[in-house]
């Protein structure tokens, strides 16, 4: 019998910490913990913050457009938007050209909250312990991974 090396695939799946999906999942949980004090201070959740980021980037979007960017179904996004509206961070209005569409806009108060969290993200970036090049490379790799997985799920 020849001395064969174990397949890398078998090694990768040996224990829970070795699963890529668990590494991504647990890293997501760690990010939520890191952001938690900042979000609690402002009364936000991560999905609400991500929504403010998307609206700050491009205002006056439909619920469908936001849902595509945030990877959220409208049944999840609509209650989130209602809470943001109640807090005074966004407005929701029916589209005058197509009343089936609801358009979302960030308010001045929403921009102020976005700015507060955005300024606080430097501490989160520092907490990663990554140098700027490694940070950007990891972010790019994760986006590629996400896009590949989404494409594979649509086949």
C-alpha atoms as a PDB file:
ATOM      1  CA  UNK A   1       0.000   0.000   0.000  1.00  0.00           C
ATOM      2  CA  UNK A   2       1.426   3.343  -1.037  1.00  0.00           C
ATOM      3  CA  UNK A   3       1.776   6.119   1.461  1.00  0.00           C
ATOM      4  CA  UNK A   4      -0.920   8.523   0.270  1.00  0.00           C
ATOM      5  CA  UNK A   5      -1.582  11.965   1.611  1.00  0.00           C
ATOM      6  CA  UNK A   6      -5.057  12.664   2.881  1.00  0.00           C
ATOM      7  CA  UNK A   7      -7.258  14.615   0.541  1.00  0.00           C
ATOM      8  CA  UNK A   8      -7.419  18.310   1.510  1.00  0.00           C
ATOM      9  CA  UNK A   9     -11.225  18.088   1.298  1.00  0.00           C
ATOM     10  CA  UNK A  10     -11.278  15.434   4.027  1.00  0.00           C
ATOM     11  CA  UNK A  11      -8.981  17.487   6.235  1.00  0.00           C
ATOM     12  CA  UNK A  12     -11.103  20.601   5.820  1.00  0.00           C
ATOM     13  CA  UNK A  13     -14.261  18.903   7.046  1.00  0.00           C
ATOM     14  CA  UNK A  14     -12.684  17.150  10.047  1.00  0.00           C
ATOM     15  CA  UNK A  15     -14.198  19.349  12.769  1.00  0.00           C
ATOM     16  CA  UNK A  16     -16.580  22.272  13.102  1.00  0.00           C
ATOM     17  CA  UNK A  17     -13.923  25.032  13.117  1.00  0.00           C
ATOM     18  CA  UNK A  18     -12.577  23.598   9.842  1.00  0.00           C
ATOM     19  CA  UNK A  19     -15.801  24.223   7.908  1.00  0.00           C
ATOM     20  CA  UNK A  20     -15.608  27.393   5.818  1.00  0.00           C
ATOM     21  CA  UNK A  21     -19.333  27.998   6.265  1.00  0.00           C
ATOM     22  CA  UNK A  22     -18.906  27.916  10.060  1.00  0.00           C
ATOM     23  CA  UNK A  23     -15.907  30.246   9.872  1.00  0.00           C
ATOM     24  CA  UNK A  24     -17.993  32.773   7.906  1.00  0.00           C
ATOM     25  CA  UNK A  25     -21.038  32.304  10.176  1.00  0.00           C
ATOM     26  CA  UNK A  26     -19.056  32.673  13.407  1.00  0.00           C
ATOM     27  CA  UNK A  27     -17.172  35.679  12.004  1.00  0.00           C
ATOM     28  CA  UNK A  28     -20.538  37.281  11.245  1.00  0.00           C
ATOM     29  CA  UNK A  29     -21.553  36.717  14.882  1.00  0.00           C
ATOM     30  CA  UNK A  30     -18.265  38.241  16.041  1.00  0.00           C
ATOM     31  CA  UNK A  31     -18.891  41.321  13.873  1.00  0.00           C
ATOM     32  CA  UNK A  32     -22.341  41.694  15.414  1.00  0.00           C
ATOM     33  CA  UNK A  33     -20.795  41.551  18.901  1.00  0.00           C
ATOM     34  CA  UNK A  34     -18.193  44.149  17.958  1.00  0.00           C
ATOM     35  CA  UNK A  35     -20.838  46.522  16.546  1.00  0.00           C
ATOM     36  CA  UNK A  36     -23.364  45.849  19.323  1.00  0.00           C
ATOM     37  CA  UNK A  37     -22.359  48.666  21.735  1.00  0.00           C
ATOM     38  CA  UNK A  38     -22.474  51.241  18.948  1.00  0.00           C
ATOM     39  CA  UNK A  39     -25.776  49.955  17.580  1.00  0.00           C
ATOM     40  CA  UNK A  40     -27.406  49.718  21.010  1.00  0.00           C
ATOM     41  CA  UNK A  41     -26.415  53.313  21.748  1.00  0.00           C
ATOM     42  CA  UNK A  42     -28.251  54.392  18.579  1.00  0.00           C
ATOM     43  CA  UNK A  43     -31.112  51.878  18.789  1.00  0.00           C
ATOM     44  CA  UNK A  44     -30.147  50.132  15.540  1.00  0.00           C
ATOM     45  CA  UNK A  45     -29.760  46.576  14.353  1.00  0.00           C
ATOM     46  CA  UNK A  46     -27.167  45.537  11.783  1.00  0.00           C
ATOM     47  CA  UNK A  47     -29.789  45.094   9.011  1.00  0.00           C
ATOM     48  CA  UNK A  48     -31.116  48.584   9.770  1.00  0.00           C
ATOM     49  CA  UNK A  49     -27.596  49.994   9.559  1.00  0.00           C
ATOM     50  CA  UNK A  50     -26.953  48.177   6.278  1.00  0.00           C
ATOM     51  CA  UNK A  51     -30.178  49.731   4.965  1.00  0.00           C
ATOM     52  CA  UNK A  52     -28.984  53.211   5.943  1.00  0.00           C
ATOM     53  CA  UNK A  53     -25.656  52.508   4.222  1.00  0.00           C
ATOM     54  CA  UNK A  54     -27.470  51.485   1.017  1.00  0.00           C
ATOM     55  CA  UNK A  55     -29.683  54.590   1.145  1.00  0.00           C
ATOM     56  CA  UNK A  56     -26.783  56.895   1.915  1.00  0.00           C
ATOM     57  CA  UNK A  57     -25.042  55.471  -1.146  1.00  0.00           C
ATOM     58  CA  UNK A  58     -28.136  55.850  -3.352  1.00  0.00           C
ATOM     59  CA  UNK A  59     -31.249  57.571  -2.053  1.00  0.00           C
ATOM     60  CA  UNK A  60     -34.792  57.206  -3.416  1.00  0.00           C
ATOM     61  CA  UNK A  61     -34.795  53.435  -3.978  1.00  0.00           C
ATOM     62  CA  UNK A  62     -37.720  51.096  -4.215  1.00  0.00           C
ATOM     63  CA  UNK A  63     -38.222  48.350  -1.654  1.00  0.00           C
ATOM     64  CA  UNK A  64     -37.349  45.857  -4.409  1.00  0.00           C
ATOM     65  CA  UNK A  65     -34.067  47.609  -5.211  1.00  0.00           C
ATOM     66  CA  UNK A  66     -33.105  47.692  -1.542  1.00  0.00           C
ATOM     67  CA  UNK A  67     -34.049  44.060  -1.110  1.00  0.00           C
ATOM     68  CA  UNK A  68     -31.757  43.053  -3.976  1.00  0.00           C
ATOM     69  CA  UNK A  69     -28.819  44.984  -2.527  1.00  0.00           C
ATOM     70  CA  UNK A  70     -29.361  43.728   1.016  1.00  0.00           C
ATOM     71  CA  UNK A  71     -30.283  40.162  -0.010  1.00  0.00           C
ATOM     72  CA  UNK A  72     -33.548  40.493   1.923  1.00  0.00           C
ATOM     73  CA  UNK A  73     -37.073  39.518   0.924  1.00  0.00           C
ATOM     74  CA  UNK A  74     -39.655  42.315   0.998  1.00  0.00           C
ATOM     75  CA  UNK A  75     -41.494  40.431   3.772  1.00  0.00           C
ATOM     76  CA  UNK A  76     -38.384  40.910   5.950  1.00  0.00           C
ATOM     77  CA  UNK A  77     -37.460  44.350   4.663  1.00  0.00           C
ATOM     78  CA  UNK A  78     -40.884  46.014   5.004  1.00  0.00           C
ATOM     79  CA  UNK A  79     -41.122  45.684   8.821  1.00  0.00           C
ATOM     80  CA  UNK A  80     -37.507  46.841   9.106  1.00  0.00           C
ATOM     81  CA  UNK A  81     -38.309  49.912   6.991  1.00  0.00           C
ATOM     82  CA  UNK A  82     -41.406  50.642   9.082  1.00  0.00           C
ATOM     83  CA  UNK A  83     -39.238  50.656  12.236  1.00  0.00           C
ATOM     84  CA  UNK A  84     -36.701  52.966  10.561  1.00  0.00           C
ATOM     85  CA  UNK A  85     -39.544  55.245   9.491  1.00  0.00           C
ATOM     86  CA  UNK A  86     -40.986  55.301  13.028  1.00  0.00           C
ATOM     87  CA  UNK A  87     -37.526  56.293  14.310  1.00  0.00           C
ATOM     88  CA  UNK A  88     -37.443  59.160  11.786  1.00  0.00           C
ATOM     89  CA  UNK A  89     -34.532  57.717   9.768  1.00  0.00           C
ATOM     90  CA  UNK A  90     -36.340  57.080   6.466  1.00  0.00           C
ATOM     91  CA  UNK A  91     -39.501  58.026   4.634  1.00  0.00           C
ATOM     92  CA  UNK A  92     -41.649  55.612   2.658  1.00  0.00           C
ATOM     93  CA  UNK A  93     -43.864  56.930  -0.138  1.00  0.00           C
ATOM     94  CA  UNK A  94     -45.809  55.342  -2.975  1.00  0.00           C
ATOM     95  CA  UNK A  95     -44.233  55.974  -6.352  1.00  0.00           C
ATOM     96  CA  UNK A  96     -46.338  58.559  -8.217  1.00  0.00           C
ATOM     97  CA  UNK A  97     -45.756  56.752 -11.549  1.00  0.00           C
ATOM     98  CA  UNK A  98     -46.374  53.230 -10.228  1.00  0.00           C
ATOM     99  CA  UNK A  99     -48.394  53.007  -7.033  1.00  0.00           C
ATOM    100  CA  UNK A 100     -47.393  49.354  -6.594  1.00  0.00           C
ATOM    101  CA  UNK A 101     -43.873  50.551  -5.775  1.00  0.00           C
ATOM    102  CA  UNK A 102     -42.839  52.109  -2.471  1.00  0.00           C
ATOM    103  CA  UNK A 103     -39.865  54.481  -2.609  1.00  0.00           C
ATOM    104  CA  UNK A 104     -37.525  54.827   0.354  1.00  0.00           C
ATOM    105  CA  UNK A 105     -35.526  57.938   1.203  1.00  0.00           C
ATOM    106  CA  UNK A 106     -33.087  58.593   4.020  1.00  0.00           C
ATOM    107  CA  UNK A 107     -33.863  61.615   6.211  1.00  0.00           C
ATOM    108  CA  UNK A 108     -31.422  64.129   7.674  1.00  0.00           C
ATOM    109  CA  UNK A 109     -31.778  62.307  10.998  1.00  0.00           C
ATOM    110  CA  UNK A 110     -31.022  59.004   9.250  1.00  0.00           C
ATOM    111  CA  UNK A 111     -27.893  60.491   7.672  1.00  0.00           C
ATOM    112  CA  UNK A 112     -26.752  61.769  11.072  1.00  0.00           C
ATOM    113  CA  UNK A 113     -27.130  58.285  12.581  1.00  0.00           C
ATOM    114  CA  UNK A 114     -25.355  56.753   9.572  1.00  0.00           C
ATOM    115  CA  UNK A 115     -22.486  59.226  10.066  1.00  0.00           C
ATOM    116  CA  UNK A 116     -22.181  58.300  13.754  1.00  0.00           C
ATOM    117  CA  UNK A 117     -21.925  54.578  13.024  1.00  0.00           C
ATOM    118  CA  UNK A 118     -19.705  55.134   9.991  1.00  0.00           C
ATOM    119  CA  UNK A 119     -17.236  57.092  12.141  1.00  0.00           C
ATOM    120  CA  UNK A 120     -17.297  54.273  14.690  1.00  0.00           C
ATOM    121  CA  UNK A 121     -16.368  51.648  12.147  1.00  0.00           C
ATOM    122  CA  UNK A 122     -12.666  52.549  12.358  1.00  0.00           C
ATOM    123  CA  UNK A 123     -12.603  50.827  15.745  1.00  0.00           C
ATOM    124  CA  UNK A 124     -14.198  47.738  14.168  1.00  0.00           C
ATOM    125  CA  UNK A 125     -11.627  47.737  11.364  1.00  0.00           C
ATOM    126  CA  UNK A 126      -8.854  48.045  13.955  1.00  0.00           C
ATOM    127  CA  UNK A 127     -10.401  45.177  15.934  1.00  0.00           C
ATOM    128  CA  UNK A 128      -9.939  42.863  12.932  1.00  0.00           C
ATOM    129  CA  UNK A 129      -6.184  43.083  13.442  1.00  0.00           C
ATOM    130  CA  UNK A 130      -5.682  43.138   9.678  1.00  0.00           C
ATOM    131  CA  UNK A 131      -3.376  45.548   7.899  1.00  0.00           C
ATOM    132  CA  UNK A 132      -5.127  47.662   5.235  1.00  0.00           C
ATOM    133  CA  UNK A 133      -4.014  45.466   2.326  1.00  0.00           C
ATOM    134  CA  UNK A 134      -5.131  42.248   4.035  1.00  0.00           C
ATOM    135  CA  UNK A 135      -8.435  43.881   5.003  1.00  0.00           C
ATOM    136  CA  UNK A 136      -9.196  44.919   1.414  1.00  0.00           C
ATOM    137  CA  UNK A 137      -8.074  41.545   0.034  1.00  0.00           C
ATOM    138  CA  UNK A 138     -10.270  39.629   2.499  1.00  0.00           C
ATOM    139  CA  UNK A 139     -13.241  41.848   1.734  1.00  0.00           C
ATOM    140  CA  UNK A 140     -12.753  41.268  -2.009  1.00  0.00           C
ATOM    141  CA  UNK A 141     -12.414  37.502  -1.491  1.00  0.00           C
ATOM    142  CA  UNK A 142     -15.585  37.357   0.601  1.00  0.00           C
ATOM    143  CA  UNK A 143     -17.531  39.300  -2.016  1.00  0.00           C
ATOM    144  CA  UNK A 144     -16.312  36.883  -4.681  1.00  0.00           C
ATOM    145  CA  UNK A 145     -17.265  33.922  -2.481  1.00  0.00           C
ATOM    146  CA  UNK A 146     -20.750  35.376  -1.864  1.00  0.00           C
ATOM    147  CA  UNK A 147     -21.315  36.111  -5.532  1.00  0.00           C
ATOM    148  CA  UNK A 148     -20.164  32.616  -6.546  1.00  0.00           C
ATOM    149  CA  UNK A 149     -22.477  30.996  -3.998  1.00  0.00           C
ATOM    150  CA  UNK A 150     -25.412  33.131  -5.122  1.00  0.00           C
ATOM    151  CA  UNK A 151     -24.744  32.279  -8.757  1.00  0.00           C
ATOM    152  CA  UNK A 152     -24.545  28.564  -7.923  1.00  0.00           C
ATOM    153  CA  UNK A 153     -27.837  28.738  -6.008  1.00  0.00           C
ATOM    154  CA  UNK A 154     -29.609  30.198  -9.055  1.00  0.00           C
ATOM    155  CA  UNK A 155     -28.629  27.317 -11.356  1.00  0.00           C
END
